[in-house]
Amino acid sequence: MLKRGLIWLSCIAMLLHTSAVVHINGLALAESATISTRRATGVQEVKVFLIAVDDAGRAGKKIGCDDSVVAVIRALRPTRTPLKAALKELLRIPRSYGSEPELYNALHQSELRLESVSIRRDVARLNFAGRLVTGGVCDSPRVQAQIEETALQFPTVKQVKVFINGTPLSEYLSERD
């Protein structure tokens, strides 16, 4: 009976929750920065950001090469480190995701692992190790947007500093272009 009551309360809370989510062909595209945990179902929802190529900002925030960075909701096991979990989930997503629109993961070829995450004074410092592989000049802003937007969804993060093998992401990407 208690479990049924908790599920009922979770359903009511979900109905009252004003997070804007658009469902397109099985994809849950999010517009708000809300992270929710549904304790009754044992699921925590986070957003990972992927790329709508040549979208010109229609589906999300416009970034370089006339693309859009788009939030996709992923359900994860509840964790006390949702930023770390969201970034690890981003690294696991294959090259293309969904359809209508098909979204692209510019990190799909990379062999990266998240070494550490720290947040101090609203600045997230993300340290990755491994090999970043890009598919050309347009992938540089895509990689940067995907990582930064995934981190910026959290209210405790206002700025993001990304490092790969100790090198700032901007320097690392400029060496590849």
N, C-alpha and C. Protein backbone atom coordinates (compact mmCIF):
# COMPACT_ATOMS: atom_id res chain seq x y z
N MET A 1 0.82 -1.19 0.00
CA MET A 1 0.00 0.00 0.00
C MET A 1 0.87 1.25 0.00
N LEU A 2 1.93 1.24 0.78
CA LEU A 2 2.83 2.39 0.84
C LEU A 2 3.48 2.64 -0.53
N LYS A 3 3.89 1.55 -1.19
CA LYS A 3 4.52 1.69 -2.50
C LYS A 3 3.53 2.29 -3.50
N ARG A 4 2.29 1.84 -3.49
CA ARG A 4 1.26 2.36 -4.38
C ARG A 4 1.05 3.86 -4.12
N GLY A 5 1.05 4.25 -2.84
CA GLY A 5 0.90 5.66 -2.49
C GLY A 5 2.05 6.50 -3.00
N LEU A 6 3.26 5.97 -2.90
CA LEU A 6 4.43 6.70 -3.41
C LEU A 6 4.37 6.86 -4.92
N ILE A 7 3.94 5.81 -5.60
CA ILE A 7 3.80 5.89 -7.05
C ILE A 7 2.76 6.94 -7.42
N TRP A 8 1.63 6.95 -6.70
CA TRP A 8 0.57 7.92 -6.95
C TRP A 8 1.09 9.34 -6.73
N LEU A 9 1.83 9.56 -5.64
CA LEU A 9 2.39 10.89 -5.39
C LEU A 9 3.39 11.29 -6.46
N SER A 10 4.18 10.34 -6.95
CA SER A 10 5.12 10.62 -8.02
C SER A 10 4.40 11.03 -9.29
N CYS A 11 3.30 10.36 -9.58
CA CYS A 11 2.51 10.70 -10.77
C CYS A 11 1.94 12.11 -10.65
N ILE A 12 1.43 12.46 -9.48
CA ILE A 12 0.89 13.80 -9.27
C ILE A 12 2.00 14.84 -9.42
N ALA A 13 3.15 14.56 -8.84
CA ALA A 13 4.28 15.49 -8.94
C ALA A 13 4.70 15.67 -10.39
N MET A 14 4.71 14.59 -11.17
CA MET A 14 5.08 14.68 -12.58
C MET A 14 4.06 15.53 -13.34
N LEU A 15 2.78 15.41 -13.02
CA LEU A 15 1.76 16.22 -13.69
C LEU A 15 1.90 17.69 -13.35
N LEU A 16 2.30 17.99 -12.13
CA LEU A 16 2.46 19.37 -11.70
C LEU A 16 3.77 19.98 -12.16
N HIS A 17 4.74 19.13 -12.50
CA HIS A 17 6.06 19.59 -12.93
C HIS A 17 5.93 20.25 -14.30
N THR A 18 6.49 21.45 -14.46
CA THR A 18 6.30 22.23 -15.68
C THR A 18 7.43 22.09 -16.69
N SER A 19 8.26 21.13 -16.54
CA SER A 19 9.36 20.93 -17.49
C SER A 19 8.80 20.66 -18.89
N ALA A 20 9.29 21.39 -19.88
CA ALA A 20 8.82 21.22 -21.24
C ALA A 20 9.61 20.10 -21.91
N VAL A 21 8.92 19.06 -22.32
CA VAL A 21 9.55 17.95 -23.01
C VAL A 21 8.73 17.67 -24.26
N VAL A 22 9.40 17.54 -25.38
CA VAL A 22 8.75 17.23 -26.63
C VAL A 22 9.16 15.82 -27.01
N HIS A 23 8.19 14.97 -27.33
CA HIS A 23 8.49 13.61 -27.75
C HIS A 23 8.34 13.52 -29.26
N ILE A 24 9.43 13.13 -29.95
CA ILE A 24 9.42 12.98 -31.39
C ILE A 24 9.97 11.60 -31.71
N ASN A 25 9.14 10.74 -32.27
CA ASN A 25 9.55 9.39 -32.64
C ASN A 25 10.35 8.68 -31.56
N GLY A 26 9.87 8.72 -30.35
CA GLY A 26 10.52 8.01 -29.26
C GLY A 26 11.64 8.77 -28.58
N LEU A 27 12.05 9.93 -29.11
CA LEU A 27 13.07 10.74 -28.47
C LEU A 27 12.41 11.71 -27.53
N ALA A 28 12.97 11.91 -26.39
CA ALA A 28 12.48 12.93 -25.47
C ALA A 28 13.44 14.11 -25.56
N LEU A 29 13.00 15.16 -26.23
CA LEU A 29 13.82 16.36 -26.36
C LEU A 29 13.36 17.35 -25.31
N ALA A 30 14.28 17.87 -24.53
CA ALA A 30 13.93 18.73 -23.40
C ALA A 30 14.24 20.18 -23.71
N GLU A 31 13.43 21.07 -23.12
CA GLU A 31 13.68 22.50 -23.27
C GLU A 31 14.09 23.14 -21.96
N SER A 32 13.75 22.60 -20.82
CA SER A 32 14.09 23.24 -19.56
C SER A 32 15.34 22.61 -18.95
N ALA A 33 15.84 23.27 -17.91
CA ALA A 33 17.07 22.79 -17.27
C ALA A 33 16.77 21.97 -16.02
N THR A 34 15.63 21.36 -15.97
CA THR A 34 15.23 20.62 -14.78
C THR A 34 15.79 19.21 -14.81
N ILE A 35 16.33 18.79 -13.69
CA ILE A 35 16.77 17.41 -13.50
C ILE A 35 15.78 16.81 -12.53
N SER A 36 15.20 15.70 -12.88
CA SER A 36 14.22 15.13 -11.97
C SER A 36 14.61 13.72 -11.56
N THR A 37 14.20 13.37 -10.37
CA THR A 37 14.39 12.03 -9.87
C THR A 37 13.04 11.48 -9.51
N ARG A 38 12.71 10.31 -10.06
CA ARG A 38 11.48 9.64 -9.69
C ARG A 38 11.87 8.47 -8.80
N ARG A 39 11.83 8.71 -7.51
CA ARG A 39 12.28 7.71 -6.54
C ARG A 39 11.46 6.42 -6.60
N ALA A 40 10.17 6.53 -6.84
CA ALA A 40 9.32 5.35 -6.86
C ALA A 40 9.73 4.39 -7.97
N THR A 41 10.24 4.91 -9.08
CA THR A 41 10.63 4.06 -10.18
C THR A 41 12.13 3.80 -10.22
N GLY A 42 12.88 4.44 -9.34
CA GLY A 42 14.32 4.22 -9.28
C GLY A 42 15.05 4.80 -10.48
N VAL A 43 14.54 5.90 -11.04
CA VAL A 43 15.12 6.50 -12.23
C VAL A 43 15.44 7.97 -11.97
N GLN A 44 16.57 8.41 -12.47
CA GLN A 44 16.93 9.81 -12.43
C GLN A 44 17.10 10.25 -13.88
N GLU A 45 16.45 11.33 -14.24
CA GLU A 45 16.55 11.82 -15.60
C GLU A 45 17.57 12.95 -15.68
N VAL A 46 18.43 12.86 -16.67
CA VAL A 46 19.40 13.90 -16.96
C VAL A 46 19.35 14.17 -18.46
N LYS A 47 19.93 15.28 -18.85
CA LYS A 47 20.00 15.58 -20.27
C LYS A 47 21.42 15.40 -20.76
N VAL A 48 21.54 14.86 -21.95
CA VAL A 48 22.79 14.86 -22.68
C VAL A 48 22.50 15.64 -23.96
N PHE A 49 23.51 16.29 -24.48
CA PHE A 49 23.30 17.15 -25.63
C PHE A 49 23.96 16.57 -26.87
N LEU A 50 23.18 16.49 -27.92
CA LEU A 50 23.63 15.96 -29.21
C LEU A 50 23.43 17.04 -30.27
N ILE A 51 23.81 16.73 -31.49
CA ILE A 51 23.83 17.72 -32.56
C ILE A 51 22.80 17.41 -33.63
N ALA A 52 22.00 18.43 -33.97
CA ALA A 52 21.14 18.37 -35.15
C ALA A 52 21.92 19.08 -36.25
N VAL A 53 22.49 18.30 -37.15
CA VAL A 53 23.38 18.83 -38.19
C VAL A 53 22.57 19.66 -39.19
N ASP A 54 23.12 20.82 -39.57
CA ASP A 54 22.49 21.73 -40.54
C ASP A 54 21.08 22.16 -40.14
N ASP A 55 20.82 22.23 -38.87
CA ASP A 55 19.49 22.56 -38.36
C ASP A 55 19.28 24.07 -38.21
N ALA A 56 20.33 24.84 -38.21
CA ALA A 56 20.28 26.31 -38.14
C ALA A 56 19.55 26.82 -36.91
N GLY A 57 19.64 26.11 -35.81
CA GLY A 57 19.04 26.58 -34.57
C GLY A 57 17.55 26.32 -34.42
N ARG A 58 16.95 25.55 -35.30
CA ARG A 58 15.51 25.28 -35.19
C ARG A 58 15.16 24.36 -34.02
N ALA A 59 15.97 23.32 -33.77
CA ALA A 59 15.65 22.35 -32.73
C ALA A 59 16.32 22.66 -31.40
N GLY A 60 17.27 23.58 -31.38
CA GLY A 60 18.00 23.90 -30.16
C GLY A 60 18.85 25.14 -30.36
N LYS A 61 19.81 25.31 -29.49
CA LYS A 61 20.73 26.45 -29.55
C LYS A 61 21.63 26.33 -30.79
N LYS A 62 21.70 27.40 -31.57
CA LYS A 62 22.52 27.39 -32.79
C LYS A 62 23.99 27.46 -32.42
N ILE A 63 24.79 26.58 -33.06
CA ILE A 63 26.23 26.57 -32.85
C ILE A 63 26.92 26.59 -34.22
N GLY A 64 28.25 26.57 -34.23
CA GLY A 64 29.03 26.64 -35.45
C GLY A 64 28.60 25.66 -36.52
N CYS A 65 28.92 25.98 -37.78
CA CYS A 65 28.59 25.17 -38.95
C CYS A 65 27.08 25.02 -39.15
N ASP A 66 26.31 25.98 -38.63
CA ASP A 66 24.86 26.03 -38.82
C ASP A 66 24.13 24.82 -38.23
N ASP A 67 24.64 24.31 -37.12
CA ASP A 67 24.03 23.18 -36.43
C ASP A 67 23.25 23.67 -35.22
N SER A 68 22.56 22.74 -34.56
CA SER A 68 21.91 23.02 -33.27
C SER A 68 22.38 21.98 -32.27
N VAL A 69 22.53 22.42 -31.03
CA VAL A 69 22.80 21.49 -29.95
C VAL A 69 21.47 21.25 -29.25
N VAL A 70 21.10 19.98 -29.11
CA VAL A 70 19.76 19.59 -28.68
C VAL A 70 19.84 18.68 -27.46
N ALA A 71 18.99 18.95 -26.48
CA ALA A 71 18.94 18.13 -25.26
C ALA A 71 18.10 16.89 -25.50
N VAL A 72 18.62 15.76 -25.02
CA VAL A 72 17.91 14.49 -25.05
C VAL A 72 17.87 13.98 -23.62
N ILE A 73 16.71 13.59 -23.15
CA ILE A 73 16.57 13.09 -21.79
C ILE A 73 16.95 11.62 -21.74
N ARG A 74 17.79 11.30 -20.77
CA ARG A 74 18.20 9.90 -20.56
C ARG A 74 17.86 9.53 -19.13
N ALA A 75 17.35 8.34 -18.95
CA ALA A 75 17.01 7.83 -17.63
C ALA A 75 18.18 7.01 -17.11
N LEU A 76 18.67 7.39 -15.93
CA LEU A 76 19.80 6.71 -15.31
C LEU A 76 19.42 6.24 -13.92
N ARG A 77 20.22 5.36 -13.37
CA ARG A 77 20.04 5.00 -11.97
C ARG A 77 20.33 6.22 -11.11
N PRO A 78 19.57 6.42 -10.06
CA PRO A 78 19.81 7.58 -9.19
C PRO A 78 21.26 7.60 -8.69
N THR A 79 21.83 8.80 -8.64
CA THR A 79 23.21 8.96 -8.21
C THR A 79 23.36 10.30 -7.50
N ARG A 80 24.37 10.38 -6.67
CA ARG A 80 24.69 11.64 -6.00
C ARG A 80 25.60 12.50 -6.86
N THR A 81 26.05 11.97 -7.98
CA THR A 81 26.93 12.71 -8.89
C THR A 81 26.30 12.72 -10.30
N PRO A 82 25.18 13.43 -10.47
CA PRO A 82 24.49 13.40 -11.76
C PRO A 82 25.29 14.02 -12.91
N LEU A 83 26.12 15.01 -12.64
CA LEU A 83 26.94 15.59 -13.71
C LEU A 83 27.89 14.54 -14.26
N LYS A 84 28.55 13.84 -13.38
CA LYS A 84 29.48 12.79 -13.80
C LYS A 84 28.73 11.70 -14.58
N ALA A 85 27.57 11.30 -14.09
CA ALA A 85 26.76 10.27 -14.76
C ALA A 85 26.30 10.74 -16.14
N ALA A 86 25.90 12.01 -16.25
CA ALA A 86 25.44 12.55 -17.54
C ALA A 86 26.59 12.56 -18.56
N LEU A 87 27.78 12.96 -18.14
CA LEU A 87 28.93 12.99 -19.05
C LEU A 87 29.34 11.59 -19.49
N LYS A 88 29.30 10.64 -18.57
CA LYS A 88 29.62 9.26 -18.94
C LYS A 88 28.59 8.71 -19.92
N GLU A 89 27.34 9.07 -19.72
CA GLU A 89 26.28 8.65 -20.64
C GLU A 89 26.51 9.26 -22.02
N LEU A 90 26.90 10.52 -22.08
CA LEU A 90 27.20 11.18 -23.35
C LEU A 90 28.28 10.43 -24.11
N LEU A 91 29.31 9.99 -23.42
CA LEU A 91 30.41 9.27 -24.07
C LEU A 91 29.98 7.91 -24.60
N ARG A 92 28.89 7.34 -24.06
CA ARG A 92 28.42 6.02 -24.48
C ARG A 92 27.50 6.05 -25.71
N ILE A 93 26.97 7.19 -26.05
CA ILE A 93 25.98 7.26 -27.14
C ILE A 93 26.69 7.06 -28.48
N PRO A 94 26.09 6.25 -29.36
CA PRO A 94 26.72 5.99 -30.67
C PRO A 94 26.68 7.22 -31.59
N ARG A 95 27.18 7.05 -32.80
CA ARG A 95 27.30 8.14 -33.78
C ARG A 95 25.97 8.84 -34.02
N SER A 96 24.93 8.08 -34.29
CA SER A 96 23.63 8.70 -34.53
C SER A 96 22.62 8.16 -33.53
N TYR A 97 21.67 9.02 -33.24
CA TYR A 97 20.70 8.72 -32.19
C TYR A 97 19.32 9.13 -32.68
N GLY A 98 18.40 8.20 -32.67
CA GLY A 98 17.02 8.52 -33.02
C GLY A 98 16.84 8.84 -34.49
N SER A 99 15.66 9.35 -34.77
CA SER A 99 15.33 9.78 -36.12
C SER A 99 14.28 10.87 -36.03
N GLU A 100 14.21 11.67 -37.06
CA GLU A 100 13.22 12.76 -37.11
C GLU A 100 13.28 13.66 -35.90
N PRO A 101 14.27 14.38 -35.59
CA PRO A 101 15.51 14.47 -36.35
C PRO A 101 16.53 13.43 -35.87
N GLU A 102 17.36 13.00 -36.79
CA GLU A 102 18.47 12.15 -36.39
C GLU A 102 19.53 13.06 -35.78
N LEU A 103 19.97 12.70 -34.61
CA LEU A 103 20.96 13.51 -33.91
C LEU A 103 22.32 12.84 -33.99
N TYR A 104 23.36 13.65 -33.98
CA TYR A 104 24.72 13.21 -34.17
C TYR A 104 25.52 13.43 -32.90
N ASN A 105 26.34 12.44 -32.54
CA ASN A 105 27.24 12.57 -31.40
C ASN A 105 28.66 12.74 -31.93
N ALA A 106 29.18 13.96 -31.84
CA ALA A 106 30.52 14.25 -32.34
C ALA A 106 31.62 13.55 -31.53
N LEU A 107 31.27 12.98 -30.40
CA LEU A 107 32.24 12.29 -29.55
C LEU A 107 32.30 10.78 -29.83
N HIS A 108 31.53 10.31 -30.78
CA HIS A 108 31.38 8.87 -30.98
C HIS A 108 32.67 8.13 -31.34
N GLN A 109 33.60 8.77 -32.03
CA GLN A 109 34.86 8.11 -32.43
C GLN A 109 35.92 8.17 -31.35
N SER A 110 35.70 9.00 -30.37
CA SER A 110 36.71 9.24 -29.35
C SER A 110 36.83 8.10 -28.37
N GLU A 111 38.01 7.96 -27.83
CA GLU A 111 38.27 6.98 -26.78
C GLU A 111 38.60 7.75 -25.51
N LEU A 112 37.58 8.42 -25.00
CA LEU A 112 37.75 9.26 -23.81
C LEU A 112 37.14 8.59 -22.59
N ARG A 113 37.72 8.90 -21.46
CA ARG A 113 37.12 8.50 -20.19
C ARG A 113 37.15 9.72 -19.27
N LEU A 114 36.14 9.83 -18.48
CA LEU A 114 36.05 10.95 -17.55
C LEU A 114 36.88 10.61 -16.33
N GLU A 115 37.90 11.39 -16.08
CA GLU A 115 38.80 11.16 -14.96
C GLU A 115 38.30 11.81 -13.68
N SER A 116 37.85 13.06 -13.78
CA SER A 116 37.37 13.74 -12.57
C SER A 116 36.44 14.89 -12.93
N VAL A 117 35.60 15.21 -11.96
CA VAL A 117 34.67 16.33 -12.06
C VAL A 117 34.73 17.06 -10.73
N SER A 118 34.91 18.37 -10.80
CA SER A 118 34.83 19.17 -9.57
C SER A 118 34.08 20.45 -9.88
N ILE A 119 33.33 20.92 -8.89
CA ILE A 119 32.60 22.17 -9.04
C ILE A 119 32.98 23.05 -7.85
N ARG A 120 33.52 24.22 -8.18
CA ARG A 120 33.89 25.20 -7.16
C ARG A 120 33.46 26.57 -7.64
N ARG A 121 32.69 27.27 -6.79
CA ARG A 121 32.22 28.62 -7.10
C ARG A 121 31.55 28.68 -8.47
N ASP A 122 30.65 27.74 -8.72
CA ASP A 122 29.85 27.67 -9.95
C ASP A 122 30.65 27.33 -11.20
N VAL A 123 31.92 26.91 -11.04
CA VAL A 123 32.75 26.53 -12.19
C VAL A 123 32.98 25.03 -12.13
N ALA A 124 32.56 24.34 -13.19
CA ALA A 124 32.80 22.90 -13.28
C ALA A 124 34.11 22.67 -14.02
N ARG A 125 34.97 21.88 -13.43
CA ARG A 125 36.23 21.50 -14.07
C ARG A 125 36.10 20.02 -14.42
N LEU A 126 36.15 19.74 -15.72
CA LEU A 126 35.97 18.38 -16.23
C LEU A 126 37.27 17.90 -16.82
N ASN A 127 37.80 16.82 -16.28
CA ASN A 127 39.06 16.27 -16.76
C ASN A 127 38.82 14.93 -17.45
N PHE A 128 39.14 14.91 -18.75
CA PHE A 128 39.03 13.69 -19.54
C PHE A 128 40.43 13.20 -19.87
N ALA A 129 40.56 11.90 -20.07
CA ALA A 129 41.82 11.31 -20.52
C ALA A 129 41.52 10.41 -21.70
N GLY A 130 42.51 10.25 -22.54
CA GLY A 130 42.33 9.38 -23.70
C GLY A 130 42.54 10.13 -24.99
N ARG A 131 41.83 9.69 -26.01
CA ARG A 131 42.04 10.22 -27.36
C ARG A 131 40.74 10.82 -27.89
N LEU A 132 40.79 12.10 -28.23
CA LEU A 132 39.65 12.78 -28.85
C LEU A 132 39.84 12.72 -30.36
N VAL A 133 38.86 12.15 -31.05
CA VAL A 133 38.90 12.05 -32.50
C VAL A 133 37.74 12.88 -33.04
N THR A 134 38.06 13.79 -33.97
CA THR A 134 37.01 14.59 -34.59
C THR A 134 36.95 14.28 -36.09
N GLY A 135 35.78 14.52 -36.66
CA GLY A 135 35.57 14.23 -38.07
C GLY A 135 35.70 15.46 -38.95
N GLY A 136 36.49 16.43 -38.55
CA GLY A 136 36.67 17.62 -39.36
C GLY A 136 36.45 18.88 -38.56
N VAL A 137 36.59 20.03 -39.22
CA VAL A 137 36.53 21.32 -38.57
C VAL A 137 35.18 21.58 -37.90
N CYS A 138 34.10 21.08 -38.45
CA CYS A 138 32.78 21.31 -37.85
C CYS A 138 32.58 20.53 -36.55
N ASP A 139 33.34 19.49 -36.32
CA ASP A 139 33.19 18.72 -35.08
C ASP A 139 33.74 19.45 -33.86
N SER A 140 34.65 20.39 -34.05
CA SER A 140 35.21 21.10 -32.90
C SER A 140 34.14 21.86 -32.11
N PRO A 141 33.32 22.72 -32.75
CA PRO A 141 32.27 23.38 -31.97
C PRO A 141 31.20 22.41 -31.47
N ARG A 142 31.01 21.33 -32.17
CA ARG A 142 30.04 20.31 -31.75
C ARG A 142 30.47 19.65 -30.45
N VAL A 143 31.74 19.21 -30.40
CA VAL A 143 32.28 18.58 -29.20
C VAL A 143 32.19 19.53 -28.01
N GLN A 144 32.63 20.75 -28.22
CA GLN A 144 32.62 21.74 -27.14
C GLN A 144 31.20 21.99 -26.65
N ALA A 145 30.26 22.18 -27.56
CA ALA A 145 28.87 22.45 -27.17
C ALA A 145 28.26 21.27 -26.44
N GLN A 146 28.51 20.06 -26.92
CA GLN A 146 27.92 18.88 -26.28
C GLN A 146 28.38 18.75 -24.82
N ILE A 147 29.67 18.90 -24.60
CA ILE A 147 30.19 18.75 -23.24
C ILE A 147 29.72 19.90 -22.35
N GLU A 148 29.87 21.14 -22.85
CA GLU A 148 29.52 22.29 -22.02
C GLU A 148 28.04 22.35 -21.71
N GLU A 149 27.18 22.13 -22.69
CA GLU A 149 25.73 22.19 -22.44
C GLU A 149 25.28 21.08 -21.50
N THR A 150 25.90 19.91 -21.60
CA THR A 150 25.56 18.82 -20.68
C THR A 150 25.88 19.23 -19.25
N ALA A 151 26.99 19.94 -19.04
CA ALA A 151 27.36 20.39 -17.69
C ALA A 151 26.51 21.57 -17.22
N LEU A 152 26.18 22.48 -18.13
CA LEU A 152 25.46 23.70 -17.76
C LEU A 152 24.00 23.47 -17.38
N GLN A 153 23.48 22.28 -17.60
CA GLN A 153 22.10 21.99 -17.21
C GLN A 153 21.92 22.01 -15.69
N PHE A 154 22.99 21.85 -14.96
CA PHE A 154 22.91 21.76 -13.51
C PHE A 154 22.97 23.15 -12.89
N PRO A 155 22.09 23.43 -11.94
CA PRO A 155 22.02 24.78 -11.37
C PRO A 155 23.30 25.22 -10.64
N THR A 156 24.14 24.29 -10.24
CA THR A 156 25.38 24.65 -9.54
C THR A 156 26.51 24.98 -10.51
N VAL A 157 26.25 24.89 -11.83
CA VAL A 157 27.28 25.14 -12.84
C VAL A 157 26.90 26.35 -13.68
N LYS A 158 27.76 27.36 -13.65
CA LYS A 158 27.56 28.57 -14.47
C LYS A 158 28.64 28.69 -15.54
N GLN A 159 29.77 28.02 -15.32
CA GLN A 159 30.89 28.06 -16.26
C GLN A 159 31.52 26.68 -16.30
N VAL A 160 32.09 26.32 -17.46
CA VAL A 160 32.66 24.99 -17.64
C VAL A 160 34.09 25.11 -18.17
N LYS A 161 35.00 24.39 -17.54
CA LYS A 161 36.38 24.30 -18.01
C LYS A 161 36.65 22.82 -18.29
N VAL A 162 36.99 22.54 -19.54
CA VAL A 162 37.18 21.16 -19.99
C VAL A 162 38.65 20.95 -20.33
N PHE A 163 39.20 19.83 -19.85
CA PHE A 163 40.59 19.48 -20.11
C PHE A 163 40.65 18.06 -20.66
N ILE A 164 41.52 17.87 -21.64
CA ILE A 164 41.77 16.53 -22.17
C ILE A 164 43.26 16.27 -22.03
N ASN A 165 43.58 15.27 -21.26
CA ASN A 165 44.98 14.94 -20.96
C ASN A 165 45.73 16.16 -20.43
N GLY A 166 45.03 16.96 -19.62
CA GLY A 166 45.63 18.13 -19.00
C GLY A 166 45.65 19.39 -19.85
N THR A 167 45.25 19.29 -21.11
CA THR A 167 45.24 20.43 -22.02
C THR A 167 43.83 21.00 -22.10
N PRO A 168 43.67 22.33 -22.02
CA PRO A 168 42.33 22.90 -22.18
C PRO A 168 41.72 22.49 -23.51
N LEU A 169 40.42 22.21 -23.51
CA LEU A 169 39.73 21.73 -24.71
C LEU A 169 39.93 22.66 -25.89
N SER A 170 39.86 23.97 -25.68
CA SER A 170 40.01 24.91 -26.80
C SER A 170 41.38 24.76 -27.47
N GLU A 171 42.44 24.59 -26.68
CA GLU A 171 43.77 24.38 -27.25
C GLU A 171 43.85 23.03 -27.95
N TYR A 172 43.29 22.02 -27.32
CA TYR A 172 43.30 20.68 -27.86
C TYR A 172 42.61 20.65 -29.23
N LEU A 173 41.46 21.33 -29.32
CA LEU A 173 40.71 21.36 -30.58
C LEU A 173 41.43 22.19 -31.65
N SER A 174 42.06 23.29 -31.25
CA SER A 174 42.75 24.14 -32.23
C SER A 174 43.93 23.41 -32.85
N GLU A 175 44.54 22.49 -32.13
CA GLU A 175 45.65 21.70 -32.66
C GLU A 175 45.18 20.74 -33.74
N ARG A 176 43.89 20.38 -33.73
CA ARG A 176 43.34 19.41 -34.67
C ARG A 176 42.77 20.06 -35.94
N ASP A 177 42.44 21.33 -35.84
CA ASP A 177 41.82 22.01 -37.00
C ASP A 177 42.82 22.38 -38.05
